[in-house]
Amino acid sequence: MKHPISRYMMASYAYYVEDDPILSDAMFDQCAKNILEHWDTLEHPHKHLLSKDMLEAGTYLGKYPEIVKNAVANYRSTIHEDIKFI
């Protein structure tokens, strides 16, 4: 979850669709600010799904690509696997 747009899309899906956040509100807001600050230089296949208005509001109101849904599921399974070893 290195790219800020990936992080934002995944966190948005986890929060708005699954009602189970993977980032704190503060981290989510910071991610949106980071994307806005670097908007003109960021490249990402899903950038077109975002708008500056969405980022300023800290929300996402579009459809989520399957890769985002799968990435959240994979992230959650990785976290759960890590917890088993603690």
PDB file of N, CA and C in Angstrom:
ATOM      1  N   MET A   1       0.849  -1.187   0.000  1.00  0.00           N
ATOM      2  CA  MET A   1       0.000   0.000   0.000  1.00  0.00           C
ATOM      3  C   MET A   1       0.888   1.240   0.000  1.00  0.00           C
ATOM      4  N   LYS A   2       1.854   1.258  -0.881  1.00  0.00           N
ATOM      5  CA  LYS A   2       2.819   2.342  -0.899  1.00  0.00           C
ATOM      6  C   LYS A   2       2.323   3.600  -1.612  1.00  0.00           C
ATOM      7  N   HIS A   3       1.671   3.461  -2.731  1.00  0.00           N
ATOM      8  CA  HIS A   3       1.240   4.625  -3.494  1.00  0.00           C
ATOM      9  C   HIS A   3       0.077   5.302  -2.778  1.00  0.00           C
ATOM     10  N   PRO A   4       0.121   6.631  -2.636  1.00  0.00           N
ATOM     11  CA  PRO A   4      -0.951   7.304  -1.884  1.00  0.00           C
ATOM     12  C   PRO A   4      -2.342   7.126  -2.486  1.00  0.00           C
ATOM     13  N   ILE A   5      -2.447   7.014  -3.804  1.00  0.00           N
ATOM     14  CA  ILE A   5      -3.776   6.809  -4.394  1.00  0.00           C
ATOM     15  C   ILE A   5      -4.275   5.400  -4.079  1.00  0.00           C
ATOM     16  N   SER A   6      -3.394   4.414  -4.122  1.00  0.00           N
ATOM     17  CA  SER A   6      -3.786   3.057  -3.722  1.00  0.00           C
ATOM     18  C   SER A   6      -4.238   3.045  -2.271  1.00  0.00           C
ATOM     19  N   ARG A   7      -3.458   3.692  -1.427  1.00  0.00           N
ATOM     20  CA  ARG A   7      -3.774   3.755   0.006  1.00  0.00           C
ATOM     21  C   ARG A   7      -5.135   4.417   0.212  1.00  0.00           C
ATOM     22  N   TYR A   8      -5.364   5.526  -0.463  1.00  0.00           N
ATOM     23  CA  TYR A   8      -6.613   6.257  -0.315  1.00  0.00           C
ATOM     24  C   TYR A   8      -7.809   5.429  -0.787  1.00  0.00           C
ATOM     25  N   MET A   9      -7.675   4.804  -1.945  1.00  0.00           N
ATOM     26  CA  MET A   9      -8.772   3.999  -2.480  1.00  0.00           C
ATOM     27  C   MET A   9      -9.073   2.804  -1.570  1.00  0.00           C
ATOM     28  N   MET A  10      -8.024   2.143  -1.101  1.00  0.00           N
ATOM     29  CA  MET A  10      -8.225   0.995  -0.218  1.00  0.00           C
ATOM     30  C   MET A  10      -8.867   1.423   1.099  1.00  0.00           C
ATOM     31  N   ALA A  11      -8.357   2.503   1.674  1.00  0.00           N
ATOM     32  CA  ALA A  11      -8.899   2.977   2.953  1.00  0.00           C
ATOM     33  C   ALA A  11     -10.341   3.438   2.800  1.00  0.00           C
ATOM     34  N   SER A  12     -10.632   4.066   1.686  1.00  0.00           N
ATOM     35  CA  SER A  12     -11.991   4.512   1.426  1.00  0.00           C
ATOM     36  C   SER A  12     -12.945   3.319   1.301  1.00  0.00           C
ATOM     37  N   TYR A  13     -12.530   2.308   0.562  1.00  0.00           N
ATOM     38  CA  TYR A  13     -13.355   1.104   0.410  1.00  0.00           C
ATOM     39  C   TYR A  13     -13.587   0.425   1.771  1.00  0.00           C
ATOM     40  N   ALA A  14     -12.524   0.291   2.533  1.00  0.00           N
ATOM     41  CA  ALA A  14     -12.640  -0.352   3.843  1.00  0.00           C
ATOM     42  C   ALA A  14     -13.599   0.420   4.755  1.00  0.00           C
ATOM     43  N   TYR A  15     -13.558   1.733   4.680  1.00  0.00           N
ATOM     44  CA  TYR A  15     -14.383   2.568   5.553  1.00  0.00           C
ATOM     45  C   TYR A  15     -15.827   2.667   5.055  1.00  0.00           C
ATOM     46  N   TYR A  16     -15.992   3.058   3.795  1.00  0.00           N
ATOM     47  CA  TYR A  16     -17.332   3.352   3.291  1.00  0.00           C
ATOM     48  C   TYR A  16     -18.130   2.115   2.891  1.00  0.00           C
ATOM     49  N   VAL A  17     -17.470   1.085   2.420  1.00  0.00           N
ATOM     50  CA  VAL A  17     -18.186  -0.102   1.960  1.00  0.00           C
ATOM     51  C   VAL A  17     -18.211  -1.182   3.043  1.00  0.00           C
ATOM     52  N   GLU A  18     -17.040  -1.472   3.593  1.00  0.00           N
ATOM     53  CA  GLU A  18     -16.962  -2.552   4.581  1.00  0.00           C
ATOM     54  C   GLU A  18     -17.242  -2.084   6.006  1.00  0.00           C
ATOM     55  N   ASP A  19     -17.261  -0.775   6.222  1.00  0.00           N
ATOM     56  CA  ASP A  19     -17.476  -0.206   7.553  1.00  0.00           C
ATOM     57  C   ASP A  19     -16.476  -0.767   8.568  1.00  0.00           C
ATOM     58  N   ASP A  20     -15.232  -0.932   8.110  1.00  0.00           N
ATOM     59  CA  ASP A  20     -14.159  -1.499   8.930  1.00  0.00           C
ATOM     60  C   ASP A  20     -12.835  -0.841   8.515  1.00  0.00           C
ATOM     61  N   PRO A  21     -12.550   0.347   9.039  1.00  0.00           N
ATOM     62  CA  PRO A  21     -11.391   1.123   8.583  1.00  0.00           C
ATOM     63  C   PRO A  21     -10.060   0.395   8.732  1.00  0.00           C
ATOM     64  N   ILE A  22      -9.154   0.696   7.788  1.00  0.00           N
ATOM     65  CA  ILE A  22      -7.788   0.183   7.874  1.00  0.00           C
ATOM     66  C   ILE A  22      -6.807   1.313   8.184  1.00  0.00           C
ATOM     67  N   LEU A  23      -7.292   2.557   8.163  1.00  0.00           N
ATOM     68  CA  LEU A  23      -6.497   3.717   8.557  1.00  0.00           C
ATOM     69  C   LEU A  23      -7.301   4.546   9.546  1.00  0.00           C
ATOM     70  N   SER A  24      -6.599   5.231  10.427  1.00  0.00           N
ATOM     71  CA  SER A  24      -7.287   6.163  11.322  1.00  0.00           C
ATOM     72  C   SER A  24      -7.806   7.335  10.492  1.00  0.00           C
ATOM     73  N   ASP A  25      -8.742   8.088  11.042  1.00  0.00           N
ATOM     74  CA  ASP A  25      -9.256   9.262  10.344  1.00  0.00           C
ATOM     75  C   ASP A  25      -8.132  10.243  10.032  1.00  0.00           C
ATOM     76  N   ALA A  26      -7.234  10.424  10.982  1.00  0.00           N
ATOM     77  CA  ALA A  26      -6.121  11.359  10.787  1.00  0.00           C
ATOM     78  C   ALA A  26      -5.204  10.903   9.652  1.00  0.00           C
ATOM     79  N   MET A  27      -4.925   9.616   9.583  1.00  0.00           N
ATOM     80  CA  MET A  27      -4.069   9.088   8.517  1.00  0.00           C
ATOM     81  C   MET A  27      -4.768   9.205   7.162  1.00  0.00           C
ATOM     82  N   PHE A  28      -6.063   8.964   7.133  1.00  0.00           N
ATOM     83  CA  PHE A  28      -6.836   9.077   5.902  1.00  0.00           C
ATOM     84  C   PHE A  28      -6.825  10.520   5.405  1.00  0.00           C
ATOM     85  N   ASP A  29      -7.060  11.461   6.329  1.00  0.00           N
ATOM     86  CA  ASP A  29      -7.041  12.876   5.966  1.00  0.00           C
ATOM     87  C   ASP A  29      -5.665  13.303   5.471  1.00  0.00           C
ATOM     88  N   GLN A  30      -4.613  12.812   6.107  1.00  0.00           N
ATOM     89  CA  GLN A  30      -3.256  13.142   5.687  1.00  0.00           C
ATOM     90  C   GLN A  30      -2.960  12.569   4.303  1.00  0.00           C
ATOM     91  N   CYS A  31      -3.457  11.403   4.031  1.00  0.00           N
ATOM     92  CA  CYS A  31      -3.283  10.790   2.715  1.00  0.00           C
ATOM     93  C   CYS A  31      -3.937  11.666   1.641  1.00  0.00           C
ATOM     94  N   ALA A  32      -5.145  12.148   1.904  1.00  0.00           N
ATOM     95  CA  ALA A  32      -5.839  13.015   0.958  1.00  0.00           C
ATOM     96  C   ALA A  32      -5.048  14.308   0.735  1.00  0.00           C
ATOM     97  N   LYS A  33      -4.538  14.885   1.806  1.00  0.00           N
ATOM     98  CA  LYS A  33      -3.742  16.115   1.690  1.00  0.00           C
ATOM     99  C   LYS A  33      -2.481  15.867   0.869  1.00  0.00           C
ATOM    100  N   ASN A  34      -1.853  14.740   1.096  1.00  0.00           N
ATOM    101  CA  ASN A  34      -0.644  14.386   0.356  1.00  0.00           C
ATOM    102  C   ASN A  34      -0.936  14.264  -1.147  1.00  0.00           C
ATOM    103  N   ILE A  35      -2.030  13.622  -1.480  1.00  0.00           N
ATOM    104  CA  ILE A  35      -2.408  13.484  -2.890  1.00  0.00           C
ATOM    105  C   ILE A  35      -2.678  14.856  -3.495  1.00  0.00           C
ATOM    106  N   LEU A  36      -3.408  15.697  -2.775  1.00  0.00           N
ATOM    107  CA  LEU A  36      -3.700  17.037  -3.284  1.00  0.00           C
ATOM    108  C   LEU A  36      -2.422  17.846  -3.506  1.00  0.00           C
ATOM    109  N   GLU A  37      -1.493  17.740  -2.574  1.00  0.00           N
ATOM    110  CA  GLU A  37      -0.236  18.489  -2.686  1.00  0.00           C
ATOM    111  C   GLU A  37       0.580  18.060  -3.898  1.00  0.00           C
ATOM    112  N   HIS A  38       0.469  16.790  -4.271  1.00  0.00           N
ATOM    113  CA  HIS A  38       1.268  16.246  -5.359  1.00  0.00           C
ATOM    114  C   HIS A  38       0.433  15.863  -6.587  1.00  0.00           C
ATOM    115  N   TRP A  39      -0.782  16.381  -6.649  1.00  0.00           N
ATOM    116  CA  TRP A  39      -1.743  16.003  -7.681  1.00  0.00           C
ATOM    117  C   TRP A  39      -1.149  16.041  -9.092  1.00  0.00           C
ATOM    118  N   ASP A  40      -0.464  17.103  -9.406  1.00  0.00           N
ATOM    119  CA  ASP A  40       0.028  17.286 -10.774  1.00  0.00           C
ATOM    120  C   ASP A  40       1.164  16.343 -11.152  1.00  0.00           C
ATOM    121  N   THR A  41       1.835  15.771 -10.163  1.00  0.00           N
ATOM    122  CA  THR A  41       2.965  14.888 -10.470  1.00  0.00           C
ATOM    123  C   THR A  41       2.661  13.409 -10.229  1.00  0.00           C
ATOM    124  N   LEU A  42       1.557  13.114  -9.580  1.00  0.00           N
ATOM    125  CA  LEU A  42       1.209  11.717  -9.314  1.00  0.00           C
ATOM    126  C   LEU A  42       0.633  11.046 -10.557  1.00  0.00           C
ATOM    127  N   GLU A  43       1.095   9.841 -10.780  1.00  0.00           N
ATOM    128  CA  GLU A  43       0.517   9.016 -11.843  1.00  0.00           C
ATOM    129  C   GLU A  43       0.045   7.714 -11.212  1.00  0.00           C
ATOM    130  N   HIS A  44      -1.136   7.307 -11.598  1.00  0.00           N
ATOM    131  CA  HIS A  44      -1.712   6.070 -11.075  1.00  0.00           C
ATOM    132  C   HIS A  44      -2.878   5.682 -11.974  1.00  0.00           C
ATOM    133  N   PRO A  45      -3.076   4.391 -12.223  1.00  0.00           N
ATOM    134  CA  PRO A  45      -4.164   3.972 -13.114  1.00  0.00           C
ATOM    135  C   PRO A  45      -5.563   4.358 -12.634  1.00  0.00           C
ATOM    136  N   HIS A  46      -5.723   4.644 -11.340  1.00  0.00           N
ATOM    137  CA  HIS A  46      -7.046   4.992 -10.819  1.00  0.00           C
ATOM    138  C   HIS A  46      -7.182   6.469 -10.469  1.00  0.00           C
ATOM    139  N   LYS A  47      -6.196   7.263 -10.836  1.00  0.00           N
ATOM    140  CA  LYS A  47      -6.254   8.693 -10.519  1.00  0.00           C
ATOM    141  C   LYS A  47      -7.504   9.338 -11.125  1.00  0.00           C
ATOM    142  N   HIS A  48      -7.889   8.885 -12.299  1.00  0.00           N
ATOM    143  CA  HIS A  48      -9.060   9.464 -12.969  1.00  0.00           C
ATOM    144  C   HIS A  48     -10.365   9.256 -12.186  1.00  0.00           C
ATOM    145  N   LEU A  49     -10.353   8.322 -11.257  1.00  0.00           N
ATOM    146  CA  LEU A  49     -11.545   8.061 -10.448  1.00  0.00           C
ATOM    147  C   LEU A  49     -11.712   9.075  -9.320  1.00  0.00           C
ATOM    148  N   LEU A  50     -10.628   9.770  -8.997  1.00  0.00           N
ATOM    149  CA  LEU A  50     -10.651  10.761  -7.920  1.00  0.00           C
ATOM    150  C   LEU A  50     -10.832  12.155  -8.493  1.00  0.00           C
ATOM    151  N   SER A  51     -11.268  13.046  -7.642  1.00  0.00           N
ATOM    152  CA  SER A  51     -11.309  14.456  -8.000  1.00  0.00           C
ATOM    153  C   SER A  51     -10.749  15.246  -6.826  1.00  0.00           C
ATOM    154  N   LYS A  52     -10.317  16.440  -7.100  1.00  0.00           N
ATOM    155  CA  LYS A  52      -9.815  17.284  -6.021  1.00  0.00           C
ATOM    156  C   LYS A  52     -10.916  17.581  -5.014  1.00  0.00           C
ATOM    157  N   ASP A  53     -12.148  17.724  -5.481  1.00  0.00           N
ATOM    158  CA  ASP A  53     -13.273  17.965  -4.567  1.00  0.00           C
ATOM    159  C   ASP A  53     -13.455  16.801  -3.596  1.00  0.00           C
ATOM    160  N   MET A  54     -13.364  15.574  -4.109  1.00  0.00           N
ATOM    161  CA  MET A  54     -13.475  14.397  -3.233  1.00  0.00           C
ATOM    162  C   MET A  54     -12.371  14.395  -2.184  1.00  0.00           C
ATOM    163  N   LEU A  55     -11.163  14.682  -2.638  1.00  0.00           N
ATOM    164  CA  LEU A  55     -10.023  14.667  -1.728  1.00  0.00           C
ATOM    165  C   LEU A  55     -10.139  15.760  -0.670  1.00  0.00           C
ATOM    166  N   GLU A  56     -10.595  16.932  -1.063  1.00  0.00           N
ATOM    167  CA  GLU A  56     -10.774  18.021  -0.104  1.00  0.00           C
ATOM    168  C   GLU A  56     -11.856  17.682   0.917  1.00  0.00           C
ATOM    169  N   ALA A  57     -12.872  16.959   0.487  1.00  0.00           N
ATOM    170  CA  ALA A  57     -13.951  16.545   1.389  1.00  0.00           C
ATOM    171  C   ALA A  57     -13.572  15.302   2.189  1.00  0.00           C
ATOM    172  N   GLY A  58     -12.513  14.603   1.756  1.00  0.00           N
ATOM    173  CA  GLY A  58     -12.107  13.379   2.443  1.00  0.00           C
ATOM    174  C   GLY A  58     -13.079  12.245   2.223  1.00  0.00           C
ATOM    175  N   THR A  59     -13.534  12.092   0.993  1.00  0.00           N
ATOM    176  CA  THR A  59     -14.506  11.053   0.697  1.00  0.00           C
ATOM    177  C   THR A  59     -14.222  10.465  -0.678  1.00  0.00           C
ATOM    178  N   TYR A  60     -14.956   9.418  -1.006  1.00  0.00           N
ATOM    179  CA  TYR A  60     -14.914   8.845  -2.341  1.00  0.00           C
ATOM    180  C   TYR A  60     -16.310   8.334  -2.644  1.00  0.00           C
ATOM    181  N   LEU A  61     -16.877   8.789  -3.740  1.00  0.00           N
ATOM    182  CA  LEU A  61     -18.259   8.453  -4.055  1.00  0.00           C
ATOM    183  C   LEU A  61     -18.417   7.663  -5.344  1.00  0.00           C
ATOM    184  N   GLY A  62     -17.330   7.112  -5.848  1.00  0.00           N
ATOM    185  CA  GLY A  62     -17.381   6.375  -7.096  1.00  0.00           C
ATOM    186  C   GLY A  62     -17.445   4.876  -6.893  1.00  0.00           C
ATOM    187  N   LYS A  63     -17.322   4.162  -8.000  1.00  0.00           N
ATOM    188  CA  LYS A  63     -17.258   2.704  -7.953  1.00  0.00           C
ATOM    189  C   LYS A  63     -15.816   2.286  -7.689  1.00  0.00           C
ATOM    190  N   TYR A  64     -15.662   1.175  -7.025  1.00  0.00           N
ATOM    191  CA  TYR A  64     -14.339   0.662  -6.698  1.00  0.00           C
ATOM    192  C   TYR A  64     -13.945  -0.445  -7.667  1.00  0.00           C
ATOM    193  N   PRO A  65     -12.784  -0.322  -8.276  1.00  0.00           N
ATOM    194  CA  PRO A  65     -12.300  -1.389  -9.144  1.00  0.00           C
ATOM    195  C   PRO A  65     -12.082  -2.679  -8.341  1.00  0.00           C
ATOM    196  N   GLU A  66     -12.212  -3.802  -9.003  1.00  0.00           N
ATOM    197  CA  GLU A  66     -12.010  -5.097  -8.331  1.00  0.00           C
ATOM    198  C   GLU A  66     -10.632  -5.189  -7.693  1.00  0.00           C
ATOM    199  N   ILE A  67      -9.627  -4.599  -8.324  1.00  0.00           N
ATOM    200  CA  ILE A  67      -8.276  -4.679  -7.772  1.00  0.00           C
ATOM    201  C   ILE A  67      -8.200  -4.009  -6.396  1.00  0.00           C
ATOM    202  N   VAL A  68      -8.988  -2.973  -6.182  1.00  0.00           N
ATOM    203  CA  VAL A  68      -9.026  -2.300  -4.876  1.00  0.00           C
ATOM    204  C   VAL A  68      -9.679  -3.219  -3.848  1.00  0.00           C
ATOM    205  N   LYS A  69     -10.788  -3.818  -4.216  1.00  0.00           N
ATOM    206  CA  LYS A  69     -11.486  -4.733  -3.305  1.00  0.00           C
ATOM    207  C   LYS A  69     -10.578  -5.908  -2.933  1.00  0.00           C
ATOM    208  N   ASN A  70      -9.920  -6.468  -3.936  1.00  0.00           N
ATOM    209  CA  ASN A  70      -9.026  -7.597  -3.685  1.00  0.00           C
ATOM    210  C   ASN A  70      -7.817  -7.185  -2.851  1.00  0.00           C
ATOM    211  N   ALA A  71      -7.323  -5.987  -3.076  1.00  0.00           N
ATOM    212  CA  ALA A  71      -6.174  -5.505  -2.308  1.00  0.00           C
ATOM    213  C   ALA A  71      -6.530  -5.349  -0.834  1.00  0.00           C
ATOM    214  N   VAL A  72      -7.723  -4.874  -0.543  1.00  0.00           N
ATOM    215  CA  VAL A  72      -8.159  -4.743   0.849  1.00  0.00           C
ATOM    216  C   VAL A  72      -8.277  -6.124   1.487  1.00  0.00           C
ATOM    217  N   ALA A  73      -8.869  -7.063   0.782  1.00  0.00           N
ATOM    218  CA  ALA A  73      -9.003  -8.434   1.310  1.00  0.00           C
ATOM    219  C   ALA A  73      -7.626  -9.037   1.554  1.00  0.00           C
ATOM    220  N   ASN A  74      -6.715  -8.842   0.622  1.00  0.00           N
ATOM    221  CA  ASN A  74      -5.363  -9.366   0.778  1.00  0.00           C
ATOM    222  C   ASN A  74      -4.651  -8.695   1.952  1.00  0.00           C
ATOM    223  N   TYR A  75      -4.800  -7.394   2.076  1.00  0.00           N
ATOM    224  CA  TYR A  75      -4.205  -6.650   3.192  1.00  0.00           C
ATOM    225  C   TYR A  75      -4.721  -7.190   4.521  1.00  0.00           C
ATOM    226  N   ARG A  76      -6.032  -7.388   4.602  1.00  0.00           N
ATOM    227  CA  ARG A  76      -6.611  -7.905   5.851  1.00  0.00           C
ATOM    228  C   ARG A  76      -6.106  -9.320   6.155  1.00  0.00           C
ATOM    229  N   SER A  77      -5.997 -10.164   5.155  1.00  0.00           N
ATOM    230  CA  SER A  77      -5.526 -11.528   5.406  1.00  0.00           C
ATOM    231  C   SER A  77      -4.062 -11.521   5.834  1.00  0.00           C
ATOM    232  N   THR A  78      -3.271 -10.610   5.277  1.00  0.00           N
ATOM    233  CA  THR A  78      -1.867 -10.498   5.676  1.00  0.00           C
ATOM    234  C   THR A  78      -1.758 -10.047   7.123  1.00  0.00           C
ATOM    235  N   ILE A  79      -2.576  -9.083   7.505  1.00  0.00           N
ATOM    236  CA  ILE A  79      -2.569  -8.597   8.892  1.00  0.00           C
ATOM    237  C   ILE A  79      -2.950  -9.729   9.834  1.00  0.00           C
ATOM    238  N   HIS A  80      -3.992 -10.478   9.481  1.00  0.00           N
ATOM    239  CA  HIS A  80      -4.432 -11.576  10.344  1.00  0.00           C
ATOM    240  C   HIS A  80      -3.368 -12.668  10.442  1.00  0.00           C
ATOM    241  N   GLU A  81      -2.664 -12.928   9.358  1.00  0.00           N
ATOM    242  CA  GLU A  81      -1.573 -13.915   9.382  1.00  0.00           C
ATOM    243  C   GLU A  81      -0.442 -13.434  10.298  1.00  0.00           C
ATOM    244  N   ASP A  82      -0.123 -12.137  10.225  1.00  0.00           N
ATOM    245  CA  ASP A  82       0.924 -11.590  11.089  1.00  0.00           C
ATOM    246  C   ASP A  82       0.565 -11.696  12.563  1.00  0.00           C
ATOM    247  N   ILE A  83      -0.703 -11.491  12.868  1.00  0.00           N
ATOM    248  CA  ILE A  83      -1.164 -11.557  14.263  1.00  0.00           C
ATOM    249  C   ILE A  83      -1.021 -12.969  14.813  1.00  0.00           C
ATOM    250  N   LYS A  84      -1.206 -13.981  13.975  1.00  0.00           N
ATOM    251  CA  LYS A  84      -1.097 -15.360  14.427  1.00  0.00           C
ATOM    252  C   LYS A  84       0.302 -15.675  14.962  1.00  0.00           C
ATOM    253  N   PHE A  85       1.291 -14.976  14.459  1.00  0.00           N
ATOM    254  CA  PHE A  85       2.676 -15.266  14.835  1.00  0.00           C
ATOM    255  C   PHE A  85       3.141 -14.462  16.039  1.00  0.00           C
ATOM    256  N   ILE A  86       2.300 -13.592  16.568  1.00  0.00           N
ATOM    257  CA  ILE A  86       2.699 -12.778  17.719  1.00  0.00           C
ATOM    258  C   ILE A  86       2.513 -13.573  19.004  1.00  0.00           C
TER     259      ILE A  86
END
